[in-house]
């Protein structure tokens, strides 16, 4: 709420409200990261093999620490 006659808050390019990224746009970003940087971005829930899913979770936790949100096993 703003009082009448009060100055407007400063604007910043970092303050832009973004809508959630669409699935097709995320897939394009993943594809680009793979082709340009050799980085694979895989949603844990998309990995169907339980052994492989757990191996990916373990490696990510080893490198970057445990997740603070979401389930423990990606399902």
Protein backbone atom coordinates (compact mmCIF):
# COMPACT_ATOMS: atom_id res chain seq x y z
CA UNK A 1 0.00 0.00 0.00
CA UNK A 2 1.27 3.43 -0.92
CA UNK A 3 0.27 6.73 0.59
CA UNK A 4 -1.04 9.42 -1.74
CA UNK A 5 1.77 11.72 -2.85
CA UNK A 6 4.50 9.41 -1.55
CA UNK A 7 7.47 8.80 -3.83
CA UNK A 8 7.47 5.58 -5.80
CA UNK A 9 9.92 2.88 -4.73
CA UNK A 10 13.07 2.58 -6.85
CA UNK A 11 12.84 0.27 -9.86
CA UNK A 12 15.37 -2.36 -10.73
CA UNK A 13 15.77 -4.78 -13.62
CA UNK A 14 16.20 -7.46 -10.93
CA UNK A 15 12.73 -6.71 -9.57
CA UNK A 16 10.83 -7.98 -12.59
CA UNK A 17 8.02 -10.36 -11.79
CA UNK A 18 8.43 -13.49 -13.92
CA UNK A 19 5.89 -16.10 -14.67
CA UNK A 20 6.87 -19.73 -14.11
CA UNK A 21 8.97 -21.18 -16.91
CA UNK A 22 6.99 -23.40 -19.27
CA UNK A 23 8.00 -27.04 -19.71
CA UNK A 24 8.99 -26.51 -23.36
CA UNK A 25 11.19 -23.54 -22.41
CA UNK A 26 12.89 -25.56 -19.64
CA UNK A 27 13.58 -28.38 -22.08
CA UNK A 28 15.13 -25.90 -24.53
CA UNK A 29 17.33 -24.49 -21.74
CA UNK A 30 18.46 -28.01 -20.79
CA UNK A 31 19.26 -28.83 -24.41
CA UNK A 32 21.27 -25.60 -24.78
CA UNK A 33 23.20 -26.24 -21.55
CA UNK A 34 24.11 -29.71 -22.79
CA UNK A 35 25.22 -28.62 -26.26
CA UNK A 36 27.06 -25.45 -25.24
CA UNK A 37 28.50 -26.36 -21.83
CA UNK A 38 28.35 -30.14 -21.50
CA UNK A 39 26.03 -29.79 -18.48
CA UNK A 40 23.19 -32.28 -18.12
CA UNK A 41 20.15 -31.04 -16.21
CA UNK A 42 17.85 -33.94 -15.37
CA UNK A 43 14.74 -33.69 -13.20
CA UNK A 44 15.06 -36.46 -10.60
CA UNK A 45 11.44 -37.52 -11.12
CA UNK A 46 12.19 -38.19 -14.81
CA UNK A 47 14.77 -40.89 -13.99
CA UNK A 48 12.77 -44.13 -13.95
CA UNK A 49 15.50 -46.54 -12.86
CA UNK A 50 15.63 -46.45 -9.02
CA UNK A 51 19.32 -47.38 -8.86
CA UNK A 52 20.35 -44.67 -11.35
CA UNK A 53 18.07 -42.08 -9.68
CA UNK A 54 19.66 -42.76 -6.29
CA UNK A 55 23.16 -42.60 -7.80
CA UNK A 56 22.40 -39.15 -9.25
CA UNK A 57 20.93 -37.97 -5.92
CA UNK A 58 23.99 -39.26 -4.05
CA UNK A 59 26.43 -37.52 -6.40
CA UNK A 60 24.53 -34.22 -6.23
CA UNK A 61 24.41 -34.41 -2.42
CA UNK A 62 28.13 -35.17 -2.30
CA UNK A 63 28.98 -32.18 -4.48
CA UNK A 64 26.48 -29.56 -3.33
CA UNK A 65 25.04 -30.83 -0.05
CA UNK A 66 21.61 -32.29 0.74
CA UNK A 67 18.46 -30.79 -0.71
CA UNK A 68 16.48 -28.48 1.54
CA UNK A 69 13.15 -28.97 -0.30
CA UNK A 70 11.34 -31.81 -1.95
CA UNK A 71 11.26 -35.48 -1.14
CA UNK A 72 14.25 -37.53 -0.10
CA UNK A 73 14.14 -40.00 -2.97
CA UNK A 74 12.91 -37.82 -5.85
CA UNK A 75 9.51 -39.49 -6.09
